[in-house]
Amino acid sequence: AKVGRRLAKEGVIGRFALDFVVVRSNGKWDPYAIEINLRKGGTTHPFLTLQFLTDGKYDPDTATFTAPGGQQKFFVASDHVESPHYRTLTPDDLFDIVVRRNLHFDQTRQTGVVFHMMSALGELGRMGLTAVGNSHEQAMATYNRALAVLDEEALGVET
């Protein structure tokens, strides 16, 4: 909030993103802001995806995102999920995998996976994904399950 107030005082209007480096020191993690980007940042798309899918709100004072029903929401995301094995997949294949392996976003529970940036899938084996859960642990588990399923499907092996 302090950075935002300072930027507003300097006349900045609109979105900005802060880049941090986090260092472990004496058993705890210390964040250090290293760069201000006067544009959308890497977390903008996953955050807007979460907001769109859940219609929730972010509270900057508590650093929590809450859906209208009161359930806190968490996400784990990457715009660089990549493997040379994924080059064998097309976006249509990915949609089939999502249905067959139950990787979709469940609107009733407001949890699950959303894939994006699929245009680079066939050529580079790259896509993005956002995993939403009711806890950080659930979001991380959902993200990891999606990666495991993608690997299994791309290699043609199921566990």
C-alpha atoms as a PDB file:
ATOM      1  CA  ALA A   1       0.000   0.000   0.000  1.00  0.00           C
ATOM      2  CA  LYS A   2       2.908   2.315   0.788  1.00  0.00           C
ATOM      3  CA  VAL A   3       4.329   1.965  -2.728  1.00  0.00           C
ATOM      4  CA  GLY A   4       0.896   2.562  -4.255  1.00  0.00           C
ATOM      5  CA  ARG A   5       0.397   5.750  -2.250  1.00  0.00           C
ATOM      6  CA  ARG A   6       3.827   7.012  -3.330  1.00  0.00           C
ATOM      7  CA  LEU A   7       3.183   6.231  -6.984  1.00  0.00           C
ATOM      8  CA  ALA A   8      -0.194   8.007  -6.805  1.00  0.00           C
ATOM      9  CA  LYS A   9       1.515  11.022  -5.237  1.00  0.00           C
ATOM     10  CA  GLU A  10       3.912  11.045  -8.202  1.00  0.00           C
ATOM     11  CA  GLY A  11       0.948  11.024 -10.616  1.00  0.00           C
ATOM     12  CA  VAL A  12       0.906   7.369 -11.640  1.00  0.00           C
ATOM     13  CA  ILE A  13      -2.537   6.123 -12.682  1.00  0.00           C
ATOM     14  CA  GLY A  14      -3.448   2.494 -13.335  1.00  0.00           C
ATOM     15  CA  ARG A  15      -1.903  -0.882 -12.683  1.00  0.00           C
ATOM     16  CA  PHE A  16       1.611  -1.552 -11.533  1.00  0.00           C
ATOM     17  CA  ALA A  17       3.526  -4.634 -10.522  1.00  0.00           C
ATOM     18  CA  LEU A  18       6.336  -5.098  -8.024  1.00  0.00           C
ATOM     19  CA  ASP A  19       9.050  -7.699  -8.473  1.00  0.00           C
ATOM     20  CA  PHE A  20      10.525  -9.222  -5.333  1.00  0.00           C
ATOM     21  CA  VAL A  21      13.464 -11.387  -4.413  1.00  0.00           C
ATOM     22  CA  VAL A  22      12.886 -13.466  -1.291  1.00  0.00           C
ATOM     23  CA  VAL A  23      15.900 -14.550   0.757  1.00  0.00           C
ATOM     24  CA  ARG A  24      16.013 -16.970   3.656  1.00  0.00           C
ATOM     25  CA  SER A  25      17.747 -15.388   6.646  1.00  0.00           C
ATOM     26  CA  ASN A  26      17.930 -16.743  10.199  1.00  0.00           C
ATOM     27  CA  GLY A  27      15.192 -19.293   9.493  1.00  0.00           C
ATOM     28  CA  LYS A  28      12.689 -16.821   8.005  1.00  0.00           C
ATOM     29  CA  TRP A  29      11.991 -15.444   4.568  1.00  0.00           C
ATOM     30  CA  ASP A  30      12.731 -11.764   3.924  1.00  0.00           C
ATOM     31  CA  PRO A  31      11.222 -10.121   0.805  1.00  0.00           C
ATOM     32  CA  TYR A  32      13.044  -7.332  -1.024  1.00  0.00           C
ATOM     33  CA  ALA A  33      11.323  -5.229  -3.690  1.00  0.00           C
ATOM     34  CA  ILE A  34      13.675  -4.920  -6.651  1.00  0.00           C
ATOM     35  CA  GLU A  35      11.626  -3.404  -9.463  1.00  0.00           C
ATOM     36  CA  ILE A  36       8.446  -1.438 -10.159  1.00  0.00           C
ATOM     37  CA  ASN A  37       6.696  -2.166 -13.458  1.00  0.00           C
ATOM     38  CA  LEU A  38       4.172   0.442 -14.571  1.00  0.00           C
ATOM     39  CA  ARG A  39       2.141  -2.163 -16.430  1.00  0.00           C
ATOM     40  CA  LYS A  40       0.364  -5.438 -15.863  1.00  0.00           C
ATOM     41  CA  GLY A  41       2.651  -8.017 -14.297  1.00  0.00           C
ATOM     42  CA  GLY A  42       2.961 -11.791 -14.370  1.00  0.00           C
ATOM     43  CA  THR A  43       0.270 -12.290 -11.732  1.00  0.00           C
ATOM     44  CA  THR A  44      -2.318 -10.064 -13.439  1.00  0.00           C
ATOM     45  CA  HIS A  45      -3.794 -12.781 -15.662  1.00  0.00           C
ATOM     46  CA  PRO A  46      -4.105 -15.478 -12.949  1.00  0.00           C
ATOM     47  CA  PHE A  47      -5.573 -12.939 -10.522  1.00  0.00           C
ATOM     48  CA  LEU A  48      -8.123 -11.705 -13.066  1.00  0.00           C
ATOM     49  CA  THR A  49      -8.942 -15.344 -13.894  1.00  0.00           C
ATOM     50  CA  LEU A  50      -9.604 -16.028 -10.205  1.00  0.00           C
ATOM     51  CA  GLN A  51     -11.709 -12.874  -9.926  1.00  0.00           C
ATOM     52  CA  PHE A  52     -13.735 -13.700 -13.052  1.00  0.00           C
ATOM     53  CA  LEU A  53     -14.371 -17.335 -12.092  1.00  0.00           C
ATOM     54  CA  THR A  54     -15.361 -16.694  -8.477  1.00  0.00           C
ATOM     55  CA  ASP A  55     -16.658 -13.106  -8.513  1.00  0.00           C
ATOM     56  CA  GLY A  56     -14.618 -12.671  -5.339  1.00  0.00           C
ATOM     57  CA  LYS A  57     -12.754  -9.727  -3.870  1.00  0.00           C
ATOM     58  CA  TYR A  58      -9.194  -9.157  -2.728  1.00  0.00           C
ATOM     59  CA  ASP A  59      -8.630  -7.466   0.636  1.00  0.00           C
ATOM     60  CA  PRO A  60      -5.221  -5.752   0.585  1.00  0.00           C
ATOM     61  CA  ASP A  61      -5.261  -5.243   4.363  1.00  0.00           C
ATOM     62  CA  THR A  62      -5.430  -8.979   5.073  1.00  0.00           C
ATOM     63  CA  ALA A  63      -3.897 -10.149   1.757  1.00  0.00           C
ATOM     64  CA  THR A  64      -6.800 -12.550   1.278  1.00  0.00           C
ATOM     65  CA  PHE A  65      -9.103 -13.269  -1.645  1.00  0.00           C
ATOM     66  CA  THR A  66     -12.643 -14.244  -0.678  1.00  0.00           C
ATOM     67  CA  ALA A  67     -15.515 -15.532  -2.802  1.00  0.00           C
ATOM     68  CA  PRO A  68     -19.008 -14.055  -2.230  1.00  0.00           C
ATOM     69  CA  GLY A  69     -19.993 -17.069  -0.066  1.00  0.00           C
ATOM     70  CA  GLY A  70     -17.186 -16.258   2.375  1.00  0.00           C
ATOM     71  CA  GLN A  71     -14.755 -19.001   1.282  1.00  0.00           C
ATOM     72  CA  GLN A  72     -11.154 -17.853   0.895  1.00  0.00           C
ATOM     73  CA  LYS A  73      -9.599 -18.747  -2.458  1.00  0.00           C
ATOM     74  CA  PHE A  74      -5.987 -19.449  -3.372  1.00  0.00           C
ATOM     75  CA  PHE A  75      -4.241 -19.987  -6.682  1.00  0.00           C
ATOM     76  CA  VAL A  76      -1.018 -21.409  -8.043  1.00  0.00           C
ATOM     77  CA  ALA A  77      -0.222 -20.419 -11.608  1.00  0.00           C
ATOM     78  CA  SER A  78       2.403 -20.431 -14.302  1.00  0.00           C
ATOM     79  CA  ASP A  79       2.460 -19.052 -17.816  1.00  0.00           C
ATOM     80  CA  HIS A  80       5.435 -21.294 -18.595  1.00  0.00           C
ATOM     81  CA  VAL A  81       4.343 -24.916 -18.184  1.00  0.00           C
ATOM     82  CA  GLU A  82       6.589 -26.542 -20.761  1.00  0.00           C
ATOM     83  CA  SER A  83       7.869 -29.926 -21.861  1.00  0.00           C
ATOM     84  CA  PRO A  84       9.127 -31.160 -25.220  1.00  0.00           C
ATOM     85  CA  HIS A  85       6.632 -34.022 -24.778  1.00  0.00           C
ATOM     86  CA  TYR A  86       3.723 -31.534 -24.788  1.00  0.00           C
ATOM     87  CA  ARG A  87       4.522 -30.720 -28.441  1.00  0.00           C
ATOM     88  CA  THR A  88       2.651 -33.908 -29.327  1.00  0.00           C
ATOM     89  CA  LEU A  89      -0.555 -32.330 -27.981  1.00  0.00           C
ATOM     90  CA  THR A  90      -2.941 -29.975 -29.740  1.00  0.00           C
ATOM     91  CA  PRO A  91      -5.354 -27.641 -27.953  1.00  0.00           C
ATOM     92  CA  ASP A  92      -8.133 -30.093 -28.925  1.00  0.00           C
ATOM     93  CA  ASP A  93      -6.149 -32.913 -27.292  1.00  0.00           C
ATOM     94  CA  LEU A  94      -5.812 -30.784 -24.178  1.00  0.00           C
ATOM     95  CA  PHE A  95      -9.573 -30.192 -24.039  1.00  0.00           C
ATOM     96  CA  ASP A  96     -10.143 -33.954 -24.372  1.00  0.00           C
ATOM     97  CA  ILE A  97      -7.667 -34.602 -21.536  1.00  0.00           C
ATOM     98  CA  VAL A  98      -9.403 -32.014 -19.349  1.00  0.00           C
ATOM     99  CA  VAL A  99     -12.743 -33.782 -19.781  1.00  0.00           C
ATOM    100  CA  ARG A 100     -11.434 -37.348 -19.569  1.00  0.00           C
ATOM    101  CA  ARG A 101      -9.201 -36.730 -16.539  1.00  0.00           C
ATOM    102  CA  ASN A 102     -11.537 -34.321 -14.710  1.00  0.00           C
ATOM    103  CA  LEU A 103      -9.165 -31.346 -14.778  1.00  0.00           C
ATOM    104  CA  HIS A 104     -11.812 -28.723 -15.461  1.00  0.00           C
ATOM    105  CA  PHE A 105     -12.760 -25.804 -13.245  1.00  0.00           C
ATOM    106  CA  ASP A 106     -15.791 -26.792 -11.149  1.00  0.00           C
ATOM    107  CA  GLN A 107     -18.004 -23.710 -10.987  1.00  0.00           C
ATOM    108  CA  THR A 108     -20.091 -25.127  -8.126  1.00  0.00           C
ATOM    109  CA  ARG A 109     -17.079 -25.675  -5.866  1.00  0.00           C
ATOM    110  CA  GLN A 110     -15.139 -22.821  -7.472  1.00  0.00           C
ATOM    111  CA  THR A 111     -12.000 -24.958  -7.577  1.00  0.00           C
ATOM    112  CA  GLY A 112     -10.031 -26.600 -10.354  1.00  0.00           C
ATOM    113  CA  VAL A 113      -7.796 -25.785 -13.288  1.00  0.00           C
ATOM    114  CA  VAL A 114      -7.968 -23.271 -16.111  1.00  0.00           C
ATOM    115  CA  PHE A 115      -5.550 -23.598 -19.037  1.00  0.00           C
ATOM    116  CA  HIS A 116      -4.463 -20.601 -21.079  1.00  0.00           C
ATOM    117  CA  MET A 117      -1.849 -19.514 -23.639  1.00  0.00           C
ATOM    118  CA  MET A 118      -2.381 -22.750 -25.563  1.00  0.00           C
ATOM    119  CA  SER A 119      -1.310 -21.338 -28.937  1.00  0.00           C
ATOM    120  CA  ALA A 120       2.317 -22.346 -28.212  1.00  0.00           C
ATOM    121  CA  LEU A 121       1.390 -25.914 -27.254  1.00  0.00           C
ATOM    122  CA  GLY A 122       2.117 -27.716 -30.536  1.00  0.00           C
ATOM    123  CA  GLU A 123       5.167 -25.700 -31.534  1.00  0.00           C
ATOM    124  CA  LEU A 124       6.932 -25.156 -28.197  1.00  0.00           C
ATOM    125  CA  GLY A 125       5.167 -27.569 -25.865  1.00  0.00           C
ATOM    126  CA  ARG A 126       4.230 -24.599 -23.687  1.00  0.00           C
ATOM    127  CA  MET A 127       1.016 -23.377 -22.081  1.00  0.00           C
ATOM    128  CA  GLY A 128      -0.183 -21.655 -18.938  1.00  0.00           C
ATOM    129  CA  LEU A 129      -2.367 -22.921 -16.170  1.00  0.00           C
ATOM    130  CA  THR A 130      -4.038 -21.534 -13.089  1.00  0.00           C
ATOM    131  CA  ALA A 131      -5.094 -23.907 -10.304  1.00  0.00           C
ATOM    132  CA  VAL A 132      -7.660 -22.617  -7.798  1.00  0.00           C
ATOM    133  CA  GLY A 133      -8.310 -24.129  -4.378  1.00  0.00           C
ATOM    134  CA  ASN A 134      -9.865 -23.398  -0.991  1.00  0.00           C
ATOM    135  CA  SER A 135      -6.420 -23.462   0.626  1.00  0.00           C
ATOM    136  CA  HIS A 136      -2.880 -22.976  -0.573  1.00  0.00           C
ATOM    137  CA  GLU A 137      -2.315 -26.704  -0.115  1.00  0.00           C
ATOM    138  CA  GLN A 138      -5.352 -27.589  -2.236  1.00  0.00           C
ATOM    139  CA  ALA A 139      -4.341 -25.152  -4.991  1.00  0.00           C
ATOM    140  CA  MET A 140      -0.798 -26.586  -5.004  1.00  0.00           C
ATOM    141  CA  ALA A 141      -2.077 -30.180  -5.052  1.00  0.00           C
ATOM    142  CA  THR A 142      -4.424 -29.333  -7.935  1.00  0.00           C
ATOM    143  CA  TYR A 143      -1.566 -27.693  -9.846  1.00  0.00           C
ATOM    144  CA  ASN A 144       0.727 -30.690  -9.266  1.00  0.00           C
ATOM    145  CA  ARG A 145      -2.005 -33.140 -10.287  1.00  0.00           C
ATOM    146  CA  ALA A 146      -2.549 -31.205 -13.522  1.00  0.00           C
ATOM    147  CA  LEU A 147       1.184 -31.394 -14.302  1.00  0.00           C
ATOM    148  CA  ALA A 148       1.262 -35.129 -13.528  1.00  0.00           C
ATOM    149  CA  VAL A 149      -1.748 -35.772 -15.777  1.00  0.00           C
ATOM    150  CA  LEU A 150      -0.217 -33.726 -18.608  1.00  0.00           C
ATOM    151  CA  ASP A 151       3.027 -35.680 -18.321  1.00  0.00           C
ATOM    152  CA  GLU A 152       1.186 -39.016 -18.284  1.00  0.00           C
ATOM    153  CA  GLU A 153      -0.945 -38.099 -21.280  1.00  0.00           C
ATOM    154  CA  ALA A 154       1.921 -36.641 -23.320  1.00  0.00           C
ATOM    155  CA  LEU A 155       4.042 -39.734 -22.687  1.00  0.00           C
ATOM    156  CA  GLY A 156       1.085 -42.057 -23.256  1.00  0.00           C
ATOM    157  CA  VAL A 157       1.286 -43.663 -19.811  1.00  0.00           C
ATOM    158  CA  GLU A 158      -1.306 -43.580 -17.050  1.00  0.00           C
ATOM    159  CA  THR A 159      -0.513 -44.339 -13.434  1.00  0.00           C
END
